[in-house]
Amino acid sequence: MILNIEETDRYYELHGGEGEVTISRLLDKGVAEGLELFAVVTVPKGASIGYHTHQSDSEGYYILSGDAEFTDADGSVKTVGAGELCLITKGQSHGIRNSGDMELKFLAVVF
């Protein structure tokens, strides 16, 4: 199966974060069992997705470009960049802030 679906949504102060975040969905929900979100997320310089909890699912952020500060499930803040995977599992929390000089892009997968 080859899909070419792209639905883009803009969110302001997502999960209590700062600024605008764009989520470009590459897969419709329900196409693949157990896969809730498969999307490219764009976070402009200085913007963020606030620290939030995943009660019933897990999420991975695969960094495509840019630099960020990732707040992990234990509350620690780690600097991440292209080629790194940030993963949290069911019941854990996370957040991310663009700390670089260019936009941050990552692939988000919720399962």
Protein backbone atom coordinates (compact mmCIF):
# COMPACT_ATOMS: atom_id res chain seq x y z
CA MET A 1 0.00 0.00 0.00
CA ILE A 2 1.30 3.43 -0.93
CA LEU A 3 -0.44 6.44 0.56
CA ASN A 4 -0.01 10.09 -0.26
CA ILE A 5 -2.23 11.78 2.29
CA GLU A 6 -1.31 15.09 3.82
CA GLU A 7 -3.66 17.00 6.07
CA THR A 8 -2.09 19.97 7.84
CA ASP A 9 -3.36 21.50 11.07
CA ARG A 10 -2.00 24.48 13.01
CA TYR A 11 -2.08 24.52 16.79
CA TYR A 12 -1.38 27.42 19.12
CA GLU A 13 0.13 26.78 22.56
CA LEU A 14 -0.20 23.00 22.06
CA HIS A 15 -0.38 21.22 25.43
CA GLY A 16 0.45 24.52 27.12
CA GLY A 17 3.50 25.17 24.96
CA GLU A 18 4.51 28.43 23.30
CA GLY A 19 3.81 29.63 19.77
CA GLU A 20 2.42 27.81 16.77
CA VAL A 21 3.04 24.18 15.82
CA THR A 22 2.12 22.64 12.46
CA ILE A 23 1.18 18.96 12.22
CA SER A 24 1.08 17.43 8.73
CA ARG A 25 -0.65 14.07 8.96
CA LEU A 26 0.72 11.51 6.52
CA LEU A 27 -1.70 8.74 7.41
CA ASP A 28 -5.40 8.82 8.21
CA LYS A 29 -6.32 7.51 11.66
CA GLY A 30 -7.63 3.95 11.40
CA VAL A 31 -5.70 3.00 8.24
CA ALA A 32 -3.26 0.86 10.23
CA GLU A 33 -4.52 -0.84 13.38
CA GLY A 34 -2.83 0.51 16.51
CA LEU A 35 -1.31 3.52 14.75
CA GLU A 36 -2.98 6.73 15.95
CA LEU A 37 -0.72 9.35 14.37
CA PHE A 38 2.02 9.37 11.73
CA ALA A 39 2.93 12.98 10.95
CA VAL A 40 5.63 15.54 10.32
CA VAL A 41 5.60 18.18 13.05
CA THR A 42 7.11 21.64 12.44
CA VAL A 43 8.04 23.81 15.42
CA PRO A 44 9.34 27.32 14.63
CA LYS A 45 12.33 28.82 16.42
CA GLY A 46 11.43 29.47 20.08
CA ALA A 47 8.11 27.56 19.96
CA SER A 48 7.30 24.42 21.94
CA ILE A 49 4.91 21.58 22.69
CA GLY A 50 4.18 21.65 26.41
CA TYR A 51 4.90 18.82 28.84
CA HIS A 52 1.96 16.41 28.71
CA THR A 53 1.06 12.83 29.65
CA HIS A 54 0.10 9.97 27.33
CA GLN A 55 -2.46 8.05 29.39
CA SER A 56 -3.40 5.42 26.81
CA ASP A 57 -0.72 5.44 24.11
CA SER A 58 2.99 5.80 23.37
CA GLU A 59 4.79 8.32 21.15
CA GLY A 60 8.08 8.63 19.37
CA TYR A 61 9.64 11.79 17.93
CA TYR A 62 12.27 11.10 15.25
CA ILE A 63 14.16 14.37 14.73
CA LEU A 64 14.51 15.20 11.02
CA SER A 65 16.14 18.64 11.29
CA GLY A 66 16.89 21.34 13.82
CA ASP A 67 17.84 21.29 17.49
CA ALA A 68 15.59 20.96 20.51
CA GLU A 69 15.37 20.54 24.25
CA PHE A 70 13.37 17.39 24.97
CA THR A 71 11.83 17.06 28.42
CA ASP A 72 11.81 13.35 29.19
CA ALA A 73 9.41 11.33 31.35
CA ASP A 74 11.59 11.80 34.43
CA GLY A 75 11.58 15.59 33.97
CA SER A 76 15.18 15.77 32.77
CA VAL A 77 15.91 18.04 29.80
CA LYS A 78 18.12 16.69 27.02
CA THR A 79 19.45 18.41 23.89
CA VAL A 80 18.50 16.48 20.73
CA GLY A 81 19.12 16.88 17.02
CA ALA A 82 18.70 15.26 13.62
CA GLY A 83 18.80 11.46 13.65
CA GLU A 84 17.78 11.05 17.31
CA LEU A 85 14.65 9.28 18.55
CA CYS A 86 12.78 10.51 21.64
CA LEU A 87 10.42 7.80 22.92
CA ILE A 88 7.90 7.70 25.73
CA THR A 89 5.55 4.85 26.57
CA LYS A 90 2.01 4.59 27.90
CA GLY A 91 1.57 6.57 31.12
CA GLN A 92 4.70 8.68 30.62
CA SER A 93 5.03 12.41 29.90
CA HIS A 94 7.18 14.55 27.61
CA GLY A 95 7.55 17.96 25.95
CA ILE A 96 9.82 19.57 23.37
CA ARG A 97 11.10 23.09 22.65
CA ASN A 98 12.89 24.35 19.59
CA SER A 99 16.16 25.67 20.97
CA GLY A 100 17.90 26.10 17.63
CA ASP A 101 18.28 28.87 15.08
CA MET A 102 16.06 27.20 12.45
CA GLU A 103 12.72 25.44 12.45
CA LEU A 104 12.54 22.03 14.10
CA LYS A 105 11.00 19.15 12.13
CA PHE A 106 10.31 15.69 13.43
CA LEU A 107 8.29 12.63 12.56
CA ALA A 108 5.74 11.92 15.30
CA VAL A 109 4.33 8.43 15.67
CA VAL A 110 1.59 7.74 18.22
CA PHE A 111 0.76 4.07 18.80
